[in-house]
PDB file of N, CA and C in Angstrom:
ATOM      1  N   UNK A   1     -43.015  -3.061  -4.158  1.00  0.00           N
ATOM      2  CA  UNK A   1     -43.343  -3.106  -5.355  1.00  0.00           C
ATOM      3  C   UNK A   1     -42.770  -4.885  -5.382  1.00  0.00           C
ATOM      4  N   UNK A   2     -43.670  -5.826  -5.634  1.00  0.00           N
ATOM      5  CA  UNK A   2     -42.836  -7.215  -5.600  1.00  0.00           C
ATOM      6  C   UNK A   2     -43.203  -7.745  -6.967  1.00  0.00           C
ATOM      7  N   UNK A   3     -42.468  -8.610  -6.789  1.00  0.00           N
ATOM      8  CA  UNK A   3     -42.169  -9.435  -8.408  1.00  0.00           C
ATOM      9  C   UNK A   3     -42.555 -10.916  -8.265  1.00  0.00           C
ATOM     10  N   UNK A   4     -43.573 -11.125  -9.030  1.00  0.00           N
ATOM     11  CA  UNK A   4     -43.865 -12.739  -9.008  1.00  0.00           C
ATOM     12  C   UNK A   4     -42.602 -13.372  -9.774  1.00  0.00           C
ATOM     13  N   UNK A   5     -41.946 -14.255  -9.140  1.00  0.00           N
ATOM     14  CA  UNK A   5     -40.753 -14.881  -9.783  1.00  0.00           C
ATOM     15  C   UNK A   5     -40.913 -16.389  -9.833  1.00  0.00           C
ATOM     16  N   UNK A   6     -41.889 -16.893  -9.611  1.00  0.00           N
ATOM     17  CA  UNK A   6     -42.480 -18.356  -9.411  1.00  0.00           C
ATOM     18  C   UNK A   6     -42.081 -19.035 -11.072  1.00  0.00           C
ATOM     19  N   UNK A   7     -41.297 -19.908 -11.315  1.00  0.00           N
ATOM     20  CA  UNK A   7     -40.967 -20.683 -12.150  1.00  0.00           C
ATOM     21  C   UNK A   7     -39.888 -20.187 -13.200  1.00  0.00           C
ATOM     22  N   UNK A   8     -39.277 -18.990 -12.917  1.00  0.00           N
ATOM     23  CA  UNK A   8     -38.251 -18.277 -13.473  1.00  0.00           C
ATOM     24  C   UNK A   8     -36.991 -19.129 -12.906  1.00  0.00           C
ATOM     25  N   UNK A   9     -36.380 -19.184 -14.455  1.00  0.00           N
ATOM     26  CA  UNK A   9     -34.834 -20.054 -14.270  1.00  0.00           C
ATOM     27  C   UNK A   9     -33.947 -19.000 -14.739  1.00  0.00           C
ATOM     28  N   UNK A  10     -33.055 -18.646 -14.093  1.00  0.00           N
ATOM     29  CA  UNK A  10     -32.002 -17.559 -14.205  1.00  0.00           C
ATOM     30  C   UNK A  10     -30.659 -18.467 -13.891  1.00  0.00           C
ATOM     31  N   UNK A  11     -30.091 -18.197 -15.388  1.00  0.00           N
ATOM     32  CA  UNK A  11     -28.821 -18.789 -15.679  1.00  0.00           C
ATOM     33  C   UNK A  11     -27.709 -17.678 -14.919  1.00  0.00           C
ATOM     34  N   UNK A  12     -28.039 -16.331 -15.292  1.00  0.00           N
ATOM     35  CA  UNK A  12     -26.949 -15.432 -14.831  1.00  0.00           C
ATOM     36  C   UNK A  12     -27.126 -14.434 -14.398  1.00  0.00           C
ATOM     37  N   UNK A  13     -27.100 -13.594 -13.304  1.00  0.00           N
ATOM     38  CA  UNK A  13     -27.785 -12.692 -12.818  1.00  0.00           C
ATOM     39  C   UNK A  13     -26.792 -11.479 -12.710  1.00  0.00           C
ATOM     40  N   UNK A  14     -26.960  -9.972 -13.116  1.00  0.00           N
ATOM     41  CA  UNK A  14     -26.227  -9.173 -12.528  1.00  0.00           C
ATOM     42  C   UNK A  14     -27.090  -7.915 -11.735  1.00  0.00           C
ATOM     43  N   UNK A  15     -26.780  -7.629 -10.949  1.00  0.00           N
ATOM     44  CA  UNK A  15     -27.517  -6.771 -10.187  1.00  0.00           C
ATOM     45  C   UNK A  15     -26.579  -5.420  -9.855  1.00  0.00           C
ATOM     46  N   UNK A  16     -27.102  -4.409 -10.568  1.00  0.00           N
ATOM     47  CA  UNK A  16     -26.534  -2.924 -10.602  1.00  0.00           C
ATOM     48  C   UNK A  16     -26.877  -1.877  -9.707  1.00  0.00           C
ATOM     49  N   UNK A  17     -25.999  -1.809  -8.395  1.00  0.00           N
ATOM     50  CA  UNK A  17     -26.792  -0.687  -7.523  1.00  0.00           C
ATOM     51  C   UNK A  17     -27.074   0.883  -8.207  1.00  0.00           C
ATOM     52  N   UNK A  18     -26.422   1.103  -8.715  1.00  0.00           N
ATOM     53  CA  UNK A  18     -26.415   2.700  -9.630  1.00  0.00           C
ATOM     54  C   UNK A  18     -26.110   3.493  -8.443  1.00  0.00           C
ATOM     55  N   UNK A  19     -26.890   4.439  -8.777  1.00  0.00           N
ATOM     56  CA  UNK A  19     -27.188   5.585  -7.841  1.00  0.00           C
ATOM     57  C   UNK A  19     -28.061   5.190  -6.761  1.00  0.00           C
ATOM     58  N   UNK A  20     -27.817   4.440  -6.107  1.00  0.00           N
ATOM     59  CA  UNK A  20     -29.091   3.959  -4.767  1.00  0.00           C
ATOM     60  C   UNK A  20     -28.924   5.164  -3.886  1.00  0.00           C
ATOM     61  N   UNK A  21     -30.226   5.607  -3.488  1.00  0.00           N
ATOM     62  CA  UNK A  21     -30.203   7.042  -2.367  1.00  0.00           C
ATOM     63  C   UNK A  21     -30.182   5.886  -1.372  1.00  0.00           C
ATOM     64  N   UNK A  22     -29.355   6.578  -0.398  1.00  0.00           N
ATOM     65  CA  UNK A  22     -29.173   5.737   0.781  1.00  0.00           C
ATOM     66  C   UNK A  22     -29.500   7.315   2.426  1.00  0.00           C
ATOM     67  N   UNK A  23     -29.610   8.213   1.646  1.00  0.00           N
ATOM     68  CA  UNK A  23     -29.722   9.280   2.410  1.00  0.00           C
ATOM     69  C   UNK A  23     -28.535  10.172   2.420  1.00  0.00           C
ATOM     70  N   UNK A  24     -28.934  11.705   2.699  1.00  0.00           N
ATOM     71  CA  UNK A  24     -27.435  12.078   3.249  1.00  0.00           C
ATOM     72  C   UNK A  24     -26.486  11.895   4.304  1.00  0.00           C
ATOM     73  N   UNK A  25     -27.032  11.396   5.368  1.00  0.00           N
ATOM     74  CA  UNK A  25     -26.216  11.402   6.282  1.00  0.00           C
ATOM     75  C   UNK A  25     -25.253  10.240   5.877  1.00  0.00           C
ATOM     76  N   UNK A  26     -26.005   8.735   5.457  1.00  0.00           N
ATOM     77  CA  UNK A  26     -24.993   7.737   4.864  1.00  0.00           C
ATOM     78  C   UNK A  26     -23.855   8.330   4.434  1.00  0.00           C
ATOM     79  N   UNK A  27     -24.472   8.836   3.023  1.00  0.00           N
ATOM     80  CA  UNK A  27     -23.444   9.251   2.108  1.00  0.00           C
ATOM     81  C   UNK A  27     -22.051  10.241   2.856  1.00  0.00           C
ATOM     82  N   UNK A  28     -22.587  10.882   3.780  1.00  0.00           N
ATOM     83  CA  UNK A  28     -21.306  11.631   4.461  1.00  0.00           C
ATOM     84  C   UNK A  28     -20.495  11.069   5.290  1.00  0.00           C
ATOM     85  N   UNK A  29     -21.484   9.902   5.786  1.00  0.00           N
ATOM     86  CA  UNK A  29     -20.656   9.152   6.493  1.00  0.00           C
ATOM     87  C   UNK A  29     -19.800   7.996   5.947  1.00  0.00           C
ATOM     88  N   UNK A  30     -20.236   7.718   4.814  1.00  0.00           N
ATOM     89  CA  UNK A  30     -19.265   7.282   3.946  1.00  0.00           C
ATOM     90  C   UNK A  30     -18.136   8.055   3.362  1.00  0.00           C
ATOM     91  N   UNK A  31     -18.636   9.125   3.326  1.00  0.00           N
ATOM     92  CA  UNK A  31     -17.244  10.168   2.812  1.00  0.00           C
ATOM     93  C   UNK A  31     -16.340  10.168   3.851  1.00  0.00           C
ATOM     94  N   UNK A  32     -16.679  10.439   5.113  1.00  0.00           N
ATOM     95  CA  UNK A  32     -15.778  10.798   6.080  1.00  0.00           C
ATOM     96  C   UNK A  32     -15.048   9.470   6.190  1.00  0.00           C
ATOM     97  N   UNK A  33     -15.472   8.429   6.089  1.00  0.00           N
ATOM     98  CA  UNK A  33     -14.508   7.184   6.463  1.00  0.00           C
ATOM     99  C   UNK A  33     -13.574   7.087   5.350  1.00  0.00           C
ATOM    100  N   UNK A  34     -13.859   7.309   4.153  1.00  0.00           N
ATOM    101  CA  UNK A  34     -13.147   7.480   3.036  1.00  0.00           C
ATOM    102  C   UNK A  34     -11.854   8.100   3.222  1.00  0.00           C
ATOM    103  N   UNK A  35     -12.242   9.637   3.979  1.00  0.00           N
ATOM    104  CA  UNK A  35     -11.371  10.775   4.195  1.00  0.00           C
ATOM    105  C   UNK A  35     -10.033   9.796   5.293  1.00  0.00           C
ATOM    106  N   UNK A  36     -10.673   9.095   6.313  1.00  0.00           N
ATOM    107  CA  UNK A  36      -9.871   8.592   7.369  1.00  0.00           C
ATOM    108  C   UNK A  36      -8.887   7.354   6.881  1.00  0.00           C
ATOM    109  N   UNK A  37      -9.772   6.606   5.753  1.00  0.00           N
ATOM    110  CA  UNK A  37      -8.834   5.850   5.363  1.00  0.00           C
ATOM    111  C   UNK A  37      -7.517   6.240   4.516  1.00  0.00           C
ATOM    112  N   UNK A  38      -7.860   7.478   3.892  1.00  0.00           N
ATOM    113  CA  UNK A  38      -6.819   8.391   3.086  1.00  0.00           C
ATOM    114  C   UNK A  38      -5.862   8.396   4.048  1.00  0.00           C
ATOM    115  N   UNK A  39      -6.284   9.030   5.095  1.00  0.00           N
ATOM    116  CA  UNK A  39      -4.942   9.950   6.302  1.00  0.00           C
ATOM    117  C   UNK A  39      -4.264   8.322   6.713  1.00  0.00           C
ATOM    118  N   UNK A  40      -5.050   7.183   6.893  1.00  0.00           N
ATOM    119  CA  UNK A  40      -4.160   6.262   6.852  1.00  0.00           C
ATOM    120  C   UNK A  40      -2.975   5.701   6.028  1.00  0.00           C
ATOM    121  N   UNK A  41      -3.450   5.821   4.452  1.00  0.00           N
ATOM    122  CA  UNK A  41      -2.836   5.644   3.535  1.00  0.00           C
ATOM    123  C   UNK A  41      -1.303   7.096   3.843  1.00  0.00           C
ATOM    124  N   UNK A  42      -2.091   8.314   3.925  1.00  0.00           N
ATOM    125  CA  UNK A  42      -0.865   9.397   4.170  1.00  0.00           C
ATOM    126  C   UNK A  42       0.281   9.245   5.197  1.00  0.00           C
ATOM    127  N   UNK A  43      -0.210   8.135   6.175  1.00  0.00           N
ATOM    128  CA  UNK A  43       0.714   7.805   7.284  1.00  0.00           C
ATOM    129  C   UNK A  43       1.972   6.708   6.883  1.00  0.00           C
ATOM    130  N   UNK A  44       1.332   5.813   6.084  1.00  0.00           N
ATOM    131  CA  UNK A  44       2.241   5.091   5.536  1.00  0.00           C
ATOM    132  C   UNK A  44       3.118   5.417   4.643  1.00  0.00           C
ATOM    133  N   UNK A  45       2.623   6.356   3.713  1.00  0.00           N
ATOM    134  CA  UNK A  45       3.300   7.084   3.181  1.00  0.00           C
ATOM    135  C   UNK A  45       4.710   7.903   3.475  1.00  0.00           C
ATOM    136  N   UNK A  46       4.318   8.278   4.359  1.00  0.00           N
ATOM    137  CA  UNK A  46       5.392   8.918   5.428  1.00  0.00           C
ATOM    138  C   UNK A  46       6.448   8.057   5.885  1.00  0.00           C
ATOM    139  N   UNK A  47       5.690   7.128   6.837  1.00  0.00           N
ATOM    140  CA  UNK A  47       6.487   5.700   7.259  1.00  0.00           C
ATOM    141  C   UNK A  47       7.595   5.125   5.852  1.00  0.00           C
ATOM    142  N   UNK A  48       6.815   4.864   5.133  1.00  0.00           N
ATOM    143  CA  UNK A  48       7.839   4.679   3.973  1.00  0.00           C
ATOM    144  C   UNK A  48       8.642   5.540   2.804  1.00  0.00           C
ATOM    145  N   UNK A  49       8.454   6.994   3.406  1.00  0.00           N
ATOM    146  CA  UNK A  49       9.670   7.964   2.881  1.00  0.00           C
ATOM    147  C   UNK A  49       9.198   8.190   1.788  1.00  0.00           C
ATOM    148  N   UNK A  50       7.765   7.787   1.325  1.00  0.00           N
ATOM    149  CA  UNK A  50       7.486   8.637   0.054  1.00  0.00           C
ATOM    150  C   UNK A  50       6.934  10.087   0.183  1.00  0.00           C
ATOM    151  N   UNK A  51       6.472  10.296   1.328  1.00  0.00           N
ATOM    152  CA  UNK A  51       6.729  11.785   1.758  1.00  0.00           C
ATOM    153  C   UNK A  51       7.077  12.293   2.967  1.00  0.00           C
ATOM    154  N   UNK A  52       8.005  13.354   2.833  1.00  0.00           N
ATOM    155  CA  UNK A  52       8.309  13.957   4.252  1.00  0.00           C
ATOM    156  C   UNK A  52       7.628  14.339   4.912  1.00  0.00           C
ATOM    157  N   UNK A  53       8.278  14.538   6.056  1.00  0.00           N
ATOM    158  CA  UNK A  53       7.364  15.063   7.221  1.00  0.00           C
ATOM    159  C   UNK A  53       6.587  16.328   6.883  1.00  0.00           C
ATOM    160  N   UNK A  54       7.148  17.434   6.537  1.00  0.00           N
ATOM    161  CA  UNK A  54       6.331  18.504   6.017  1.00  0.00           C
ATOM    162  C   UNK A  54       5.362  18.251   5.102  1.00  0.00           C
ATOM    163  N   UNK A  55       5.535  17.923   4.102  1.00  0.00           N
ATOM    164  CA  UNK A  55       4.283  17.528   3.181  1.00  0.00           C
ATOM    165  C   UNK A  55       3.458  16.391   3.507  1.00  0.00           C
ATOM    166  N   UNK A  56       3.603  15.782   4.588  1.00  0.00           N
ATOM    167  CA  UNK A  56       2.738  14.797   5.197  1.00  0.00           C
ATOM    168  C   UNK A  56       1.960  16.034   6.352  1.00  0.00           C
ATOM    169  N   UNK A  57       2.580  16.720   6.785  1.00  0.00           N
ATOM    170  CA  UNK A  57       2.126  17.168   7.788  1.00  0.00           C
ATOM    171  C   UNK A  57       1.083  18.585   6.995  1.00  0.00           C
ATOM    172  N   UNK A  58       1.562  18.815   6.209  1.00  0.00           N
ATOM    173  CA  UNK A  58       0.420  19.938   5.173  1.00  0.00           C
ATOM    174  C   UNK A  58      -0.583  19.168   4.691  1.00  0.00           C
ATOM    175  N   UNK A  59      -0.248  18.015   4.003  1.00  0.00           N
ATOM    176  CA  UNK A  59      -1.690  17.463   3.636  1.00  0.00           C
ATOM    177  C   UNK A  59      -2.632  16.720   4.435  1.00  0.00           C
ATOM    178  N   UNK A  60      -2.077  16.190   5.763  1.00  0.00           N
ATOM    179  CA  UNK A  60      -3.092  15.953   6.804  1.00  0.00           C
ATOM    180  C   UNK A  60      -4.146  17.159   7.257  1.00  0.00           C
ATOM    181  N   UNK A  61      -3.075  18.323   7.739  1.00  0.00           N
ATOM    182  CA  UNK A  61      -3.669  19.550   7.827  1.00  0.00           C
ATOM    183  C   UNK A  61      -5.243  19.784   6.967  1.00  0.00           C
ATOM    184  N   UNK A  62      -4.707  20.059   5.865  1.00  0.00           N
ATOM    185  CA  UNK A  62      -5.955  19.939   4.362  1.00  0.00           C
ATOM    186  C   UNK A  62      -7.087  18.623   4.497  1.00  0.00           C
ATOM    187  N   UNK A  63      -6.488  17.360   5.019  1.00  0.00           N
ATOM    188  CA  UNK A  63      -7.677  16.362   4.930  1.00  0.00           C
ATOM    189  C   UNK A  63      -8.399  16.321   6.076  1.00  0.00           C
ATOM    190  N   UNK A  64      -7.658  16.726   7.188  1.00  0.00           N
ATOM    191  CA  UNK A  64      -8.543  16.687   8.642  1.00  0.00           C
ATOM    192  C   UNK A  64      -9.160  18.204   8.335  1.00  0.00           C
ATOM    193  N   UNK A  65      -9.160  19.217   7.867  1.00  0.00           N
ATOM    194  CA  UNK A  65      -9.628  20.186   7.672  1.00  0.00           C
ATOM    195  C   UNK A  65     -11.083  19.807   6.612  1.00  0.00           C
ATOM    196  N   UNK A  66     -10.749  19.152   5.706  1.00  0.00           N
ATOM    197  CA  UNK A  66     -11.882  18.863   5.125  1.00  0.00           C
ATOM    198  C   UNK A  66     -12.879  17.870   5.607  1.00  0.00           C
ATOM    199  N   UNK A  67     -12.435  17.082   6.345  1.00  0.00           N
ATOM    200  CA  UNK A  67     -12.942  15.475   7.097  1.00  0.00           C
ATOM    201  C   UNK A  67     -14.247  16.407   8.528  1.00  0.00           C
ATOM    202  N   UNK A  68     -13.464  17.570   8.921  1.00  0.00           N
ATOM    203  CA  UNK A  68     -14.481  18.506   9.881  1.00  0.00           C
ATOM    204  C   UNK A  68     -15.499  19.222   9.200  1.00  0.00           C
ATOM    205  N   UNK A  69     -15.135  19.879   8.033  1.00  0.00           N
ATOM    206  CA  UNK A  69     -16.178  20.344   7.643  1.00  0.00           C
ATOM    207  C   UNK A  69     -17.250  19.532   6.821  1.00  0.00           C
ATOM    208  N   UNK A  70     -17.118  18.134   6.836  1.00  0.00           N
ATOM    209  CA  UNK A  70     -17.924  17.137   6.115  1.00  0.00           C
ATOM    210  C   UNK A  70     -18.820  16.566   6.986  1.00  0.00           C
ATOM    211  N   UNK A  71     -17.907  16.804   8.298  1.00  0.00           N
ATOM    212  CA  UNK A  71     -18.937  16.010   9.583  1.00  0.00           C
ATOM    213  C   UNK A  71     -19.884  17.384  10.170  1.00  0.00           C
ATOM    214  N   UNK A  72     -19.747  18.560   9.650  1.00  0.00           N
ATOM    215  CA  UNK A  72     -20.416  19.594  10.460  1.00  0.00           C
ATOM    216  C   UNK A  72     -22.176  19.621   9.938  1.00  0.00           C
ATOM    217  N   UNK A  73     -23.194  19.874  10.494  1.00  0.00           N
ATOM    218  CA  UNK A  73     -24.835  19.463  10.067  1.00  0.00           C
ATOM    219  C   UNK A  73     -25.014  20.080   8.595  1.00  0.00           C
ATOM    220  N   UNK A  74     -24.347  21.232   8.345  1.00  0.00           N
ATOM    221  CA  UNK A  74     -24.519  21.961   6.888  1.00  0.00           C
ATOM    222  C   UNK A  74     -23.133  21.731   6.347  1.00  0.00           C
ATOM    223  N   UNK A  75     -22.668  20.998   5.536  1.00  0.00           N
ATOM    224  CA  UNK A  75     -21.192  21.173   5.221  1.00  0.00           C
ATOM    225  C   UNK A  75     -21.277  21.725   3.709  1.00  0.00           C
ATOM    226  N   UNK A  76     -19.954  22.704   3.920  1.00  0.00           N
ATOM    227  CA  UNK A  76     -19.820  23.650   3.226  1.00  0.00           C
ATOM    228  C   UNK A  76     -19.085  22.952   1.772  1.00  0.00           C
ATOM    229  N   UNK A  77     -19.663  22.707   0.507  1.00  0.00           N
ATOM    230  CA  UNK A  77     -18.826  21.739  -0.275  1.00  0.00           C
ATOM    231  C   UNK A  77     -17.466  22.432  -0.859  1.00  0.00           C
ATOM    232  N   UNK A  78     -17.811  23.646  -1.417  1.00  0.00           N
ATOM    233  CA  UNK A  78     -16.778  24.517  -1.524  1.00  0.00           C
ATOM    234  C   UNK A  78     -15.485  24.682  -0.657  1.00  0.00           C
ATOM    235  N   UNK A  79     -15.687  24.570   0.707  1.00  0.00           N
ATOM    236  CA  UNK A  79     -14.556  24.509   1.555  1.00  0.00           C
ATOM    237  C   UNK A  79     -13.894  23.055   1.291  1.00  0.00           C
ATOM    238  N   UNK A  80     -14.796  22.487   1.195  1.00  0.00           N
ATOM    239  CA  UNK A  80     -14.325  20.824   1.229  1.00  0.00           C
ATOM    240  C   UNK A  80     -13.377  20.753   0.315  1.00  0.00           C
ATOM    241  N   UNK A  81     -13.965  21.132  -1.273  1.00  0.00           N
ATOM    242  CA  UNK A  81     -13.441  21.184  -2.108  1.00  0.00           C
ATOM    243  C   UNK A  81     -11.823  21.716  -2.117  1.00  0.00           C
ATOM    244  N   UNK A  82     -11.884  23.082  -1.684  1.00  0.00           N
ATOM    245  CA  UNK A  82     -10.559  23.850  -1.415  1.00  0.00           C
ATOM    246  C   UNK A  82      -9.696  23.069  -0.883  1.00  0.00           C
ATOM    247  N   UNK A  83      -9.915  22.210   0.441  1.00  0.00           N
ATOM    248  CA  UNK A  83      -9.160  21.923   1.194  1.00  0.00           C
ATOM    249  C   UNK A  83      -8.756  20.282   0.563  1.00  0.00           C
ATOM    250  N   UNK A  84      -9.289  19.929  -0.522  1.00  0.00           N
ATOM    251  CA  UNK A  84      -9.158  18.666  -1.022  1.00  0.00           C
ATOM    252  C   UNK A  84      -7.897  19.190  -2.193  1.00  0.00           C
ATOM    253  N   UNK A  85      -8.587  20.385  -2.941  1.00  0.00           N
ATOM    254  CA  UNK A  85      -7.584  20.634  -3.692  1.00  0.00           C
ATOM    255  C   UNK A  85      -6.340  21.320  -3.357  1.00  0.00           C
ATOM    256  N   UNK A  86      -5.580  21.748  -1.817  1.00  0.00           N
ATOM    257  CA  UNK A  86      -4.966  21.919  -1.483  1.00  0.00           C
ATOM    258  C   UNK A  86      -4.108  20.414  -1.386  1.00  0.00           C
ATOM    259  N   UNK A  87      -4.692  19.746  -0.788  1.00  0.00           N
ATOM    260  CA  UNK A  87      -3.985  18.276  -0.817  1.00  0.00           C
ATOM    261  C   UNK A  87      -3.248  17.750  -2.036  1.00  0.00           C
ATOM    262  N   UNK A  88      -4.257  18.065  -2.665  1.00  0.00           N
ATOM    263  CA  UNK A  88      -4.072  17.305  -4.019  1.00  0.00           C
ATOM    264  C   UNK A  88      -2.663  18.073  -4.783  1.00  0.00           C
ATOM    265  N   UNK A  89      -2.555  19.262  -4.693  1.00  0.00           N
ATOM    266  CA  UNK A  89      -1.767  20.261  -4.921  1.00  0.00           C
ATOM    267  C   UNK A  89      -0.297  19.780  -4.350  1.00  0.00           C
ATOM    268  N   UNK A  90      -0.340  19.525  -3.277  1.00  0.00           N
ATOM    269  CA  UNK A  90       1.178  18.961  -2.309  1.00  0.00           C
ATOM    270  C   UNK A  90       1.370  17.739  -3.037  1.00  0.00           C
ATOM    271  N   UNK A  91       0.610  16.612  -3.045  1.00  0.00           N
ATOM    272  CA  UNK A  91       0.831  15.177  -3.350  1.00  0.00           C
ATOM    273  C   UNK A  91       1.398  15.096  -4.785  1.00  0.00           C
ATOM    274  N   UNK A  92       0.794  16.103  -5.916  1.00  0.00           N
ATOM    275  CA  UNK A  92       1.113  16.194  -7.321  1.00  0.00           C
ATOM    276  C   UNK A  92       2.335  16.477  -7.510  1.00  0.00           C
ATOM    277  N   UNK A  93       2.835  17.335  -6.226  1.00  0.00           N
ATOM    278  CA  UNK A  93       4.191  17.778  -6.864  1.00  0.00           C
ATOM    279  C   UNK A  93       5.072  17.025  -6.550  1.00  0.00           C
ATOM    280  N   UNK A  94       4.644  15.510  -6.138  1.00  0.00           N
ATOM    281  CA  UNK A  94       5.896  14.215  -5.526  1.00  0.00           C
ATOM    282  C   UNK A  94       5.765  13.501  -6.339  1.00  0.00           C
ATOM    283  N   UNK A  95       6.540  13.141  -7.023  1.00  0.00           N
ATOM    284  CA  UNK A  95       6.433  12.000  -7.867  1.00  0.00           C
ATOM    285  C   UNK A  95       6.308  10.688  -7.325  1.00  0.00           C
ATOM    286  N   UNK A  96       6.884  10.405  -6.432  1.00  0.00           N
ATOM    287  CA  UNK A  96       6.904   8.862  -5.896  1.00  0.00           C
ATOM    288  C   UNK A  96       5.649   8.954  -5.012  1.00  0.00           C
ATOM    289  N   UNK A  97       4.671   9.847  -5.123  1.00  0.00           N
ATOM    290  CA  UNK A  97       3.060  10.152  -4.693  1.00  0.00           C
ATOM    291  C   UNK A  97       1.943   9.890  -5.484  1.00  0.00           C
ATOM    292  N   UNK A  98       2.286   9.339  -6.722  1.00  0.00           N
ATOM    293  CA  UNK A  98       1.353   8.603  -7.621  1.00  0.00           C
ATOM    294  C   UNK A  98      -0.033   8.170  -6.993  1.00  0.00           C
ATOM    295  N   UNK A  99       0.045   7.033  -6.326  1.00  0.00           N
ATOM    296  CA  UNK A  99      -0.865   6.329  -5.552  1.00  0.00           C
ATOM    297  C   UNK A  99      -1.537   7.535  -4.600  1.00  0.00           C
ATOM    298  N   UNK A 100      -1.369   8.318  -3.941  1.00  0.00           N
ATOM    299  CA  UNK A 100      -1.717   9.355  -3.014  1.00  0.00           C
ATOM    300  C   UNK A 100      -2.459  10.147  -4.046  1.00  0.00           C
ATOM    301  N   UNK A 101      -2.074  10.551  -4.928  1.00  0.00           N
ATOM    302  CA  UNK A 101      -2.527  11.509  -5.869  1.00  0.00           C
ATOM    303  C   UNK A 101      -3.959  11.149  -6.674  1.00  0.00           C
ATOM    304  N   UNK A 102      -3.595   9.797  -6.925  1.00  0.00           N
ATOM    305  CA  UNK A 102      -5.003   9.047  -7.553  1.00  0.00           C
ATOM    306  C   UNK A 102      -6.061   8.955  -6.265  1.00  0.00           C
ATOM    307  N   UNK A 103      -5.683   8.741  -5.564  1.00  0.00           N
ATOM    308  CA  UNK A 103      -6.396   8.687  -4.526  1.00  0.00           C
ATOM    309  C   UNK A 103      -7.457   9.568  -4.004  1.00  0.00           C
ATOM    310  N   UNK A 104      -6.829  10.937  -4.057  1.00  0.00           N
ATOM    311  CA  UNK A 104      -7.161  12.396  -3.733  1.00  0.00           C
ATOM    312  C   UNK A 104      -8.141  12.676  -4.900  1.00  0.00           C
ATOM    313  N   UNK A 105      -7.665  12.478  -6.073  1.00  0.00           N
ATOM    314  CA  UNK A 105      -8.331  12.678  -7.177  1.00  0.00           C
ATOM    315  C   UNK A 105      -9.732  12.013  -7.281  1.00  0.00           C
ATOM    316  N   UNK A 106      -9.866  10.598  -6.739  1.00  0.00           N
ATOM    317  CA  UNK A 106     -11.160   9.994  -6.411  1.00  0.00           C
ATOM    318  C   UNK A 106     -11.966  10.573  -5.835  1.00  0.00           C
ATOM    319  N   UNK A 107     -11.449  10.994  -4.463  1.00  0.00           N
ATOM    320  CA  UNK A 107     -12.299  11.599  -3.325  1.00  0.00           C
ATOM    321  C   UNK A 107     -12.560  13.200  -3.741  1.00  0.00           C
ATOM    322  N   UNK A 108     -12.159  13.969  -4.879  1.00  0.00           N
ATOM    323  CA  UNK A 108     -12.429  14.842  -4.886  1.00  0.00           C
ATOM    324  C   UNK A 108     -13.801  14.626  -5.606  1.00  0.00           C
ATOM    325  N   UNK A 109     -13.842  13.829  -6.641  1.00  0.00           N
ATOM    326  CA  UNK A 109     -14.592  13.635  -7.789  1.00  0.00           C
ATOM    327  C   UNK A 109     -15.956  12.979  -6.602  1.00  0.00           C
ATOM    328  N   UNK A 110     -15.974  12.104  -5.824  1.00  0.00           N
ATOM    329  CA  UNK A 110     -16.830  11.747  -4.323  1.00  0.00           C
ATOM    330  C   UNK A 110     -17.499  12.824  -4.077  1.00  0.00           C
ATOM    331  N   UNK A 111     -16.801  13.701  -3.501  1.00  0.00           N
ATOM    332  CA  UNK A 111     -16.980  15.079  -3.077  1.00  0.00           C
ATOM    333  C   UNK A 111     -18.047  15.891  -3.601  1.00  0.00           C
ATOM    334  N   UNK A 112     -17.778  16.003  -5.104  1.00  0.00           N
ATOM    335  CA  UNK A 112     -18.382  16.911  -5.893  1.00  0.00           C
ATOM    336  C   UNK A 112     -19.386  16.366  -6.388  1.00  0.00           C
ATOM    337  N   UNK A 113     -19.754  14.922  -6.010  1.00  0.00           N
ATOM    338  CA  UNK A 113     -21.019  13.926  -6.745  1.00  0.00           C
ATOM    339  C   UNK A 113     -22.012  14.124  -5.291  1.00  0.00           C
ATOM    340  N   UNK A 114     -21.207  14.333  -3.713  1.00  0.00           N
ATOM    341  CA  UNK A 114     -22.219  13.798  -2.748  1.00  0.00           C
ATOM    342  C   UNK A 114     -22.800  15.319  -2.062  1.00  0.00           C
ATOM    343  N   UNK A 115     -22.162  16.445  -2.239  1.00  0.00           N
ATOM    344  CA  UNK A 115     -22.311  17.549  -1.265  1.00  0.00           C
ATOM    345  C   UNK A 115     -22.831  18.735  -2.060  1.00  0.00           C
TER     346      UNK A 115
END
């Protein structure tokens, strides 16, 4: 579809992408990148003493399992959400891990939408 725009004067323009469809592979790839970024945040939280080694290891395990499931040819939404939910429960129990909790809640919301 083309639009004839000759002679139009635009003072202010807002382009909202909204729910653009990029294909399932692209969504899943972006989701896996999001999980990898979260794993980096998790490592930083451990280094800063926000999470102890045991909690960090447990959360990392669940995020890794969610990441593995998300990269399968036919990802299982329930498994992904179960792993993310377990990770969320661990970080929610740590008062100083508020930023991690907020991140995992956002990740769960994204997983619910794309899988």
